[in-house]
Amino acid sequence: MRRFNYLTCAILALSWIAPLHAQQPTSTVRGRITDNSTQQPISGATVAIAGKSALTHEDGRFSIGGVAVGAATVTVRMVGYAQGTQPVMITEGETVVDVALAPQAINLSEVV
């Protein structure tokens, strides 16, 4: 019975200590993706940061939660536009990142 009590206490202690050590501050990254020549929102663009990604809504807005605080790079991709990258400093709470993409003509053979 004593062995069971020691084992139970050890498991409970580890289950409380491990999450405290593993937690780091996170942020929600929000923003808007637009066309740099017309300033119109771009819908369906892929926005990636720190291994997480999201698609933009009809109004060009996106939101990615759980991003670790610190330096990062936002990458935006959309067919018909040059890839956009922007270095950002992620702060606790909420970080706003707006990116304007430049239109880029592509040949059909590049898509295939």
N, C-alpha and C. Protein backbone atom coordinates (compact mmCIF):
# COMPACT_ATOMS: atom_id res chain seq x y z
N MET A 1 0.83 -1.20 0.00
CA MET A 1 0.00 0.00 0.00
C MET A 1 0.87 1.25 0.00
N ARG A 2 1.99 1.19 0.74
CA ARG A 2 2.87 2.35 0.81
C ARG A 2 3.46 2.66 -0.58
N ARG A 3 3.82 1.61 -1.33
CA ARG A 3 4.39 1.80 -2.66
C ARG A 3 3.37 2.53 -3.55
N PHE A 4 2.13 2.15 -3.45
CA PHE A 4 1.08 2.79 -4.23
C PHE A 4 0.97 4.27 -3.89
N ASN A 5 1.04 4.62 -2.61
CA ASN A 5 0.94 6.02 -2.19
C ASN A 5 2.11 6.85 -2.73
N TYR A 6 3.34 6.31 -2.66
CA TYR A 6 4.50 7.04 -3.17
C TYR A 6 4.39 7.23 -4.68
N LEU A 7 3.97 6.20 -5.37
CA LEU A 7 3.82 6.27 -6.81
C LEU A 7 2.74 7.28 -7.20
N THR A 8 1.64 7.27 -6.50
CA THR A 8 0.56 8.21 -6.77
C THR A 8 1.02 9.64 -6.53
N CYS A 9 1.72 9.89 -5.45
CA CYS A 9 2.22 11.23 -5.15
C CYS A 9 3.22 11.69 -6.22
N ALA A 10 4.08 10.81 -6.67
CA ALA A 10 5.07 11.17 -7.69
C ALA A 10 4.38 11.52 -9.01
N ILE A 11 3.39 10.76 -9.39
CA ILE A 11 2.68 11.04 -10.64
C ILE A 11 1.93 12.37 -10.54
N LEU A 12 1.27 12.61 -9.42
CA LEU A 12 0.56 13.88 -9.25
C LEU A 12 1.52 15.06 -9.27
N ALA A 13 2.66 14.93 -8.63
CA ALA A 13 3.64 16.02 -8.61
C ALA A 13 4.15 16.31 -10.01
N LEU A 14 4.46 15.28 -10.79
CA LEU A 14 4.93 15.49 -12.15
C LEU A 14 3.86 16.11 -13.04
N SER A 15 2.62 15.71 -12.85
CA SER A 15 1.55 16.24 -13.68
C SER A 15 1.29 17.72 -13.38
N TRP A 16 1.64 18.19 -12.20
CA TRP A 16 1.46 19.61 -11.87
C TRP A 16 2.68 20.43 -12.27
N ILE A 17 3.86 19.87 -12.15
CA ILE A 17 5.09 20.61 -12.43
C ILE A 17 5.36 20.69 -13.93
N ALA A 18 5.17 19.63 -14.67
CA ALA A 18 5.50 19.59 -16.10
C ALA A 18 4.78 20.68 -16.90
N PRO A 19 3.47 20.90 -16.75
CA PRO A 19 2.83 21.95 -17.53
C PRO A 19 3.34 23.35 -17.18
N LEU A 20 3.71 23.58 -15.93
CA LEU A 20 4.23 24.89 -15.55
C LEU A 20 5.55 25.18 -16.24
N HIS A 21 6.38 24.18 -16.39
CA HIS A 21 7.67 24.37 -17.02
C HIS A 21 7.52 24.54 -18.53
N ALA A 22 6.58 23.88 -19.15
CA ALA A 22 6.44 23.88 -20.60
C ALA A 22 5.72 25.11 -21.14
N GLN A 23 5.00 25.84 -20.29
CA GLN A 23 4.24 26.98 -20.77
C GLN A 23 5.16 28.15 -21.11
N GLN A 24 4.90 28.79 -22.24
CA GLN A 24 5.58 30.02 -22.58
C GLN A 24 4.54 31.01 -23.07
N PRO A 25 4.83 32.29 -22.97
CA PRO A 25 3.83 33.27 -23.38
C PRO A 25 3.49 33.16 -24.86
N THR A 26 2.22 33.34 -25.18
CA THR A 26 1.78 33.29 -26.58
C THR A 26 0.99 34.54 -26.92
N SER A 27 0.73 34.68 -28.20
CA SER A 27 0.00 35.84 -28.70
C SER A 27 -0.94 35.39 -29.80
N THR A 28 -1.88 36.25 -30.11
CA THR A 28 -2.74 36.07 -31.27
C THR A 28 -2.27 37.07 -32.31
N VAL A 29 -1.99 36.59 -33.51
CA VAL A 29 -1.56 37.46 -34.60
C VAL A 29 -2.77 37.69 -35.50
N ARG A 30 -3.12 38.95 -35.69
CA ARG A 30 -4.24 39.33 -36.53
C ARG A 30 -3.75 40.31 -37.58
N GLY A 31 -4.48 40.40 -38.67
CA GLY A 31 -4.10 41.37 -39.67
C GLY A 31 -4.99 41.32 -40.89
N ARG A 32 -4.54 42.03 -41.92
CA ARG A 32 -5.31 42.12 -43.16
C ARG A 32 -4.34 42.05 -44.33
N ILE A 33 -4.72 41.28 -45.35
CA ILE A 33 -3.91 41.13 -46.56
C ILE A 33 -4.63 41.86 -47.69
N THR A 34 -3.89 42.76 -48.37
CA THR A 34 -4.48 43.55 -49.45
C THR A 34 -3.60 43.52 -50.69
N ASP A 35 -4.17 43.95 -51.81
CA ASP A 35 -3.46 44.13 -53.07
C ASP A 35 -2.78 45.49 -52.99
N ASN A 36 -1.46 45.56 -53.23
CA ASN A 36 -0.77 46.83 -53.02
C ASN A 36 -1.09 47.89 -54.07
N SER A 37 -1.63 47.49 -55.22
CA SER A 37 -1.96 48.49 -56.24
C SER A 37 -3.38 49.02 -56.10
N THR A 38 -4.32 48.19 -55.67
CA THR A 38 -5.72 48.62 -55.56
C THR A 38 -6.19 48.79 -54.11
N GLN A 39 -5.43 48.31 -53.15
CA GLN A 39 -5.77 48.32 -51.72
C GLN A 39 -7.04 47.52 -51.42
N GLN A 40 -7.42 46.64 -52.33
CA GLN A 40 -8.58 45.77 -52.12
C GLN A 40 -8.15 44.55 -51.30
N PRO A 41 -9.03 44.02 -50.44
CA PRO A 41 -8.69 42.83 -49.66
C PRO A 41 -8.51 41.61 -50.55
N ILE A 42 -7.62 40.71 -50.12
CA ILE A 42 -7.39 39.47 -50.85
C ILE A 42 -7.96 38.32 -50.02
N SER A 43 -8.92 37.62 -50.58
CA SER A 43 -9.56 36.51 -49.90
C SER A 43 -8.91 35.20 -50.33
N GLY A 44 -8.73 34.27 -49.39
CA GLY A 44 -8.18 32.94 -49.70
C GLY A 44 -6.68 32.86 -49.71
N ALA A 45 -5.98 33.91 -49.28
CA ALA A 45 -4.52 33.85 -49.21
C ALA A 45 -4.11 33.02 -47.99
N THR A 46 -2.98 32.34 -48.09
CA THR A 46 -2.47 31.55 -46.97
C THR A 46 -1.45 32.38 -46.20
N VAL A 47 -1.70 32.55 -44.90
CA VAL A 47 -0.80 33.30 -44.02
C VAL A 47 -0.18 32.30 -43.06
N ALA A 48 1.16 32.27 -42.99
CA ALA A 48 1.86 31.32 -42.12
C ALA A 48 2.83 32.06 -41.21
N ILE A 49 2.89 31.59 -39.96
CA ILE A 49 3.83 32.14 -38.99
C ILE A 49 4.11 31.07 -37.94
N ALA A 50 5.37 30.83 -37.68
CA ALA A 50 5.81 29.91 -36.62
C ALA A 50 5.14 28.54 -36.71
N GLY A 51 5.04 27.98 -37.91
CA GLY A 51 4.48 26.65 -38.07
C GLY A 51 2.97 26.57 -38.03
N LYS A 52 2.30 27.70 -37.93
CA LYS A 52 0.83 27.74 -37.94
C LYS A 52 0.39 28.54 -39.15
N SER A 53 -0.80 28.23 -39.65
CA SER A 53 -1.27 28.96 -40.82
C SER A 53 -2.78 29.16 -40.77
N ALA A 54 -3.24 30.10 -41.61
CA ALA A 54 -4.67 30.39 -41.72
C ALA A 54 -4.93 30.96 -43.11
N LEU A 55 -6.19 30.87 -43.53
CA LEU A 55 -6.62 31.48 -44.78
C LEU A 55 -7.32 32.80 -44.48
N THR A 56 -7.17 33.76 -45.39
CA THR A 56 -7.83 35.04 -45.19
C THR A 56 -9.31 34.92 -45.54
N HIS A 57 -10.13 35.71 -44.85
CA HIS A 57 -11.58 35.75 -45.09
C HIS A 57 -11.87 36.68 -46.27
N GLU A 58 -13.14 36.86 -46.58
CA GLU A 58 -13.55 37.70 -47.70
C GLU A 58 -13.04 39.14 -47.57
N ASP A 59 -12.93 39.62 -46.34
CA ASP A 59 -12.46 40.99 -46.13
C ASP A 59 -10.93 41.08 -46.01
N GLY A 60 -10.24 39.96 -46.29
CA GLY A 60 -8.78 39.93 -46.25
C GLY A 60 -8.19 39.76 -44.86
N ARG A 61 -9.03 39.61 -43.86
CA ARG A 61 -8.54 39.50 -42.48
C ARG A 61 -8.23 38.05 -42.12
N PHE A 62 -7.28 37.89 -41.19
CA PHE A 62 -6.90 36.57 -40.69
C PHE A 62 -6.60 36.68 -39.20
N SER A 63 -6.58 35.53 -38.54
CA SER A 63 -6.24 35.46 -37.13
C SER A 63 -5.58 34.10 -36.86
N ILE A 64 -4.42 34.14 -36.21
CA ILE A 64 -3.70 32.91 -35.85
C ILE A 64 -3.39 32.99 -34.36
N GLY A 65 -3.90 32.04 -33.59
CA GLY A 65 -3.69 32.04 -32.15
C GLY A 65 -2.57 31.11 -31.73
N GLY A 66 -2.08 31.31 -30.51
CA GLY A 66 -1.08 30.42 -29.93
C GLY A 66 0.31 30.57 -30.50
N VAL A 67 0.65 31.75 -31.01
CA VAL A 67 1.98 31.99 -31.58
C VAL A 67 2.92 32.41 -30.45
N ALA A 68 4.09 31.77 -30.37
CA ALA A 68 5.06 32.06 -29.32
C ALA A 68 5.58 33.49 -29.44
N VAL A 69 5.77 34.13 -28.29
CA VAL A 69 6.29 35.49 -28.24
C VAL A 69 7.75 35.50 -28.69
N GLY A 70 8.14 36.52 -29.46
CA GLY A 70 9.52 36.67 -29.94
C GLY A 70 9.54 37.04 -31.40
N ALA A 71 10.73 37.03 -31.98
CA ALA A 71 10.89 37.38 -33.39
C ALA A 71 10.36 36.26 -34.27
N ALA A 72 9.69 36.64 -35.35
CA ALA A 72 9.13 35.67 -36.29
C ALA A 72 9.00 36.32 -37.66
N THR A 73 8.66 35.51 -38.65
CA THR A 73 8.44 36.01 -40.00
C THR A 73 7.06 35.56 -40.47
N VAL A 74 6.28 36.51 -40.94
CA VAL A 74 4.97 36.22 -41.52
C VAL A 74 5.16 36.01 -43.02
N THR A 75 4.65 34.90 -43.54
CA THR A 75 4.74 34.59 -44.96
C THR A 75 3.33 34.49 -45.52
N VAL A 76 3.09 35.20 -46.65
CA VAL A 76 1.77 35.20 -47.27
C VAL A 76 1.91 34.70 -48.71
N ARG A 77 1.05 33.74 -49.08
CA ARG A 77 1.07 33.18 -50.44
C ARG A 77 -0.32 33.23 -51.04
N MET A 78 -0.35 33.58 -52.33
CA MET A 78 -1.61 33.59 -53.08
C MET A 78 -1.27 33.49 -54.55
N VAL A 79 -1.97 32.60 -55.27
CA VAL A 79 -1.74 32.46 -56.71
C VAL A 79 -2.05 33.80 -57.38
N GLY A 80 -1.16 34.23 -58.27
CA GLY A 80 -1.33 35.50 -58.97
C GLY A 80 -0.65 36.66 -58.29
N TYR A 81 -0.01 36.40 -57.13
CA TYR A 81 0.69 37.45 -56.38
C TYR A 81 2.08 36.94 -56.00
N ALA A 82 3.02 37.88 -55.90
CA ALA A 82 4.35 37.52 -55.42
C ALA A 82 4.24 37.20 -53.93
N GLN A 83 5.02 36.23 -53.47
CA GLN A 83 5.01 35.87 -52.05
C GLN A 83 5.42 37.07 -51.21
N GLY A 84 4.70 37.30 -50.14
CA GLY A 84 5.03 38.40 -49.23
C GLY A 84 5.60 37.86 -47.93
N THR A 85 6.69 38.45 -47.47
CA THR A 85 7.26 38.10 -46.17
C THR A 85 7.49 39.37 -45.38
N GLN A 86 7.27 39.27 -44.08
CA GLN A 86 7.47 40.44 -43.23
C GLN A 86 7.95 39.97 -41.86
N PRO A 87 9.15 40.44 -41.44
CA PRO A 87 9.61 40.10 -40.09
C PRO A 87 8.80 40.90 -39.07
N VAL A 88 8.44 40.25 -37.96
CA VAL A 88 7.66 40.91 -36.91
C VAL A 88 8.18 40.50 -35.54
N MET A 89 7.92 41.33 -34.55
CA MET A 89 8.21 41.00 -33.16
C MET A 89 6.87 40.71 -32.50
N ILE A 90 6.66 39.46 -32.12
CA ILE A 90 5.41 39.03 -31.50
C ILE A 90 5.45 39.40 -30.02
N THR A 91 4.44 40.13 -29.56
CA THR A 91 4.34 40.52 -28.15
C THR A 91 3.16 39.79 -27.51
N GLU A 92 3.15 39.72 -26.20
CA GLU A 92 2.05 39.05 -25.49
C GLU A 92 0.74 39.76 -25.78
N GLY A 93 -0.33 39.00 -25.82
CA GLY A 93 -1.65 39.57 -26.06
C GLY A 93 -2.03 39.45 -27.52
N GLU A 94 -1.86 40.56 -28.25
CA GLU A 94 -2.25 40.57 -29.66
C GLU A 94 -1.24 41.37 -30.47
N THR A 95 -0.89 40.85 -31.63
CA THR A 95 0.02 41.53 -32.54
C THR A 95 -0.71 41.70 -33.87
N VAL A 96 -0.65 42.92 -34.43
CA VAL A 96 -1.32 43.21 -35.69
C VAL A 96 -0.28 43.31 -36.80
N VAL A 97 -0.52 42.56 -37.89
CA VAL A 97 0.38 42.54 -39.04
C VAL A 97 -0.45 42.69 -40.30
N ASP A 98 -0.24 43.78 -41.02
CA ASP A 98 -0.91 43.98 -42.30
C ASP A 98 0.13 43.84 -43.41
N VAL A 99 -0.23 43.11 -44.48
CA VAL A 99 0.70 42.88 -45.58
C VAL A 99 0.00 43.21 -46.90
N ALA A 100 0.71 43.94 -47.79
CA ALA A 100 0.19 44.23 -49.12
C ALA A 100 0.98 43.40 -50.12
N LEU A 101 0.28 42.63 -50.95
CA LEU A 101 0.92 41.77 -51.94
C LEU A 101 0.95 42.45 -53.31
N ALA A 102 2.03 42.21 -54.04
CA ALA A 102 2.16 42.75 -55.39
C ALA A 102 1.66 41.73 -56.40
N PRO A 103 0.78 42.15 -57.33
CA PRO A 103 0.32 41.22 -58.36
C PRO A 103 1.51 40.73 -59.19
N GLN A 104 1.45 39.47 -59.62
CA GLN A 104 2.53 38.89 -60.41
C GLN A 104 1.91 37.99 -61.47
N ALA A 105 2.20 38.31 -62.72
CA ALA A 105 1.68 37.48 -63.82
C ALA A 105 2.40 36.14 -63.80
N ILE A 106 1.64 35.08 -64.05
CA ILE A 106 2.23 33.75 -64.11
C ILE A 106 1.79 33.07 -65.40
N ASN A 107 2.64 32.18 -65.88
CA ASN A 107 2.30 31.39 -67.04
C ASN A 107 1.58 30.13 -66.58
N LEU A 108 0.72 29.60 -67.39
CA LEU A 108 -0.02 28.40 -67.04
C LEU A 108 0.93 27.23 -66.78
N SER A 109 2.05 27.17 -67.48
CA SER A 109 3.00 26.07 -67.26
C SER A 109 3.61 26.12 -65.87
N GLU A 110 3.69 27.31 -65.26
CA GLU A 110 4.22 27.43 -63.90
C GLU A 110 3.26 26.85 -62.89
N VAL A 111 1.98 26.91 -63.16
CA VAL A 111 0.98 26.39 -62.23
C VAL A 111 0.96 24.88 -62.27
N VAL A 112 1.10 24.30 -63.45
CA VAL A 112 1.06 22.85 -63.61
C VAL A 112 2.29 22.30 -62.98
